[in-house]
Amino acid sequence: MKTYAIRWKCTVTGRIGTGTTLFEREQAESLAAELNEKHPDIDHEAIIPAPPSPEPGAAELVPPLSG
């Protein structure tokens, strides 16, 4: 099941990110190891990303205007 993504952190700038492509666990771990070898200034790891949280106020209902 494709549930893993690649999270990365640049050791030079401190920038971080998570890829959007999903992989099976073995694929993600293998890719992270390969990327770590090719790009030593960036740490890569296979993770199961957390689902995005809803935007603030997205669940709030706005009452209809009366008048």
C-alpha atoms as a PDB file:
ATOM      1  CA  MET A   1       0.000   0.000   0.000  1.00  0.00           C
ATOM      2  CA  LYS A   2       1.417   3.401  -0.975  1.00  0.00           C
ATOM      3  CA  THR A   3       1.331   5.386   2.258  1.00  0.00           C
ATOM      4  CA  TYR A   4       4.900   6.675   2.632  1.00  0.00           C
ATOM      5  CA  ALA A   5       6.353   9.975   1.441  1.00  0.00           C
ATOM      6  CA  ILE A   6       9.863  11.424   1.535  1.00  0.00           C
ATOM      7  CA  ARG A   7      10.525  14.159   4.093  1.00  0.00           C
ATOM      8  CA  TRP A   8      13.700  16.184   3.657  1.00  0.00           C
ATOM      9  CA  LYS A   9      15.691  18.808   5.524  1.00  0.00           C
ATOM     10  CA  CYS A  10      18.584  20.844   4.151  1.00  0.00           C
ATOM     11  CA  THR A  11      21.443  20.872   6.659  1.00  0.00           C
ATOM     12  CA  VAL A  12      22.821  24.075   5.109  1.00  0.00           C
ATOM     13  CA  THR A  13      19.736  26.318   4.993  1.00  0.00           C
ATOM     14  CA  GLY A  14      17.427  24.533   7.434  1.00  0.00           C
ATOM     15  CA  ARG A  15      14.627  24.393   4.855  1.00  0.00           C
ATOM     16  CA  ILE A  16      12.302  21.407   5.184  1.00  0.00           C
ATOM     17  CA  GLY A  17       9.637  19.795   3.060  1.00  0.00           C
ATOM     18  CA  THR A  18       7.648  16.680   2.349  1.00  0.00           C
ATOM     19  CA  GLY A  19       7.134  15.209  -1.094  1.00  0.00           C
ATOM     20  CA  THR A  20       3.635  14.613  -2.386  1.00  0.00           C
ATOM     21  CA  THR A  21       4.299  11.321  -4.191  1.00  0.00           C
ATOM     22  CA  LEU A  22       3.367   8.253  -2.154  1.00  0.00           C
ATOM     23  CA  PHE A  23       5.379   5.017  -2.146  1.00  0.00           C
ATOM     24  CA  GLU A  24       5.267   1.603  -0.558  1.00  0.00           C
ATOM     25  CA  ARG A  25       7.455   1.405   2.553  1.00  0.00           C
ATOM     26  CA  GLU A  26      10.347  -0.451   0.921  1.00  0.00           C
ATOM     27  CA  GLN A  27      10.374   1.912  -2.071  1.00  0.00           C
ATOM     28  CA  ALA A  28      10.367   5.008   0.146  1.00  0.00           C
ATOM     29  CA  GLU A  29      13.173   3.730   2.375  1.00  0.00           C
ATOM     30  CA  SER A  30      15.280   2.757  -0.636  1.00  0.00           C
ATOM     31  CA  LEU A  31      14.698   6.123  -2.327  1.00  0.00           C
ATOM     32  CA  ALA A  32      15.528   8.033   0.871  1.00  0.00           C
ATOM     33  CA  ALA A  33      18.818   6.126   1.191  1.00  0.00           C
ATOM     34  CA  GLU A  34      19.667   6.780  -2.470  1.00  0.00           C
ATOM     35  CA  LEU A  35      18.862  10.491  -2.147  1.00  0.00           C
ATOM     36  CA  ASN A  36      20.984  10.750   1.012  1.00  0.00           C
ATOM     37  CA  GLU A  37      23.957   9.360  -0.916  1.00  0.00           C
ATOM     38  CA  LYS A  38      23.452  11.671  -3.905  1.00  0.00           C
ATOM     39  CA  HIS A  39      22.685  14.775  -1.835  1.00  0.00           C
ATOM     40  CA  PRO A  40      24.723  14.694   1.408  1.00  0.00           C
ATOM     41  CA  ASP A  41      23.612  18.213   2.431  1.00  0.00           C
ATOM     42  CA  ILE A  42      19.980  17.099   2.569  1.00  0.00           C
ATOM     43  CA  ASP A  43      18.639  14.524   5.024  1.00  0.00           C
ATOM     44  CA  HIS A  44      15.846  12.371   3.564  1.00  0.00           C
ATOM     45  CA  GLU A  45      13.599   9.956   5.417  1.00  0.00           C
ATOM     46  CA  ALA A  46      10.570   7.825   4.645  1.00  0.00           C
ATOM     47  CA  ILE A  47       7.518   8.852   6.660  1.00  0.00           C
ATOM     48  CA  ILE A  48       3.778   8.385   6.762  1.00  0.00           C
ATOM     49  CA  PRO A  49       2.582  11.966   6.322  1.00  0.00           C
ATOM     50  CA  ALA A  50      -0.082  13.330   8.635  1.00  0.00           C
ATOM     51  CA  PRO A  51      -3.321  14.258   6.918  1.00  0.00           C
ATOM     52  CA  PRO A  52      -3.596  17.995   6.297  1.00  0.00           C
ATOM     53  CA  SER A  53      -5.497  19.866   8.959  1.00  0.00           C
ATOM     54  CA  PRO A  54      -8.503  21.855   7.816  1.00  0.00           C
ATOM     55  CA  GLU A  55      -8.020  25.572   7.300  1.00  0.00           C
ATOM     56  CA  PRO A  56      -9.032  27.701  10.272  1.00  0.00           C
ATOM     57  CA  GLY A  57     -12.690  28.566  10.043  1.00  0.00           C
ATOM     58  CA  ALA A  58     -13.401  25.995   7.338  1.00  0.00           C
ATOM     59  CA  ALA A  59     -15.801  24.087   9.567  1.00  0.00           C
ATOM     60  CA  GLU A  60     -17.504  27.169  10.959  1.00  0.00           C
ATOM     61  CA  LEU A  61     -20.932  27.951   9.585  1.00  0.00           C
ATOM     62  CA  VAL A  62     -21.780  31.518   8.769  1.00  0.00           C
ATOM     63  CA  PRO A  63     -25.316  32.416   9.819  1.00  0.00           C
ATOM     64  CA  PRO A  64     -27.488  33.829   7.040  1.00  0.00           C
ATOM     65  CA  LEU A  65     -27.981  37.568   6.936  1.00  0.00           C
ATOM     66  CA  SER A  66     -31.449  38.658   8.018  1.00  0.00           C
ATOM     67  CA  GLY A  67     -33.010  41.870   6.960  1.00  0.00           C
END
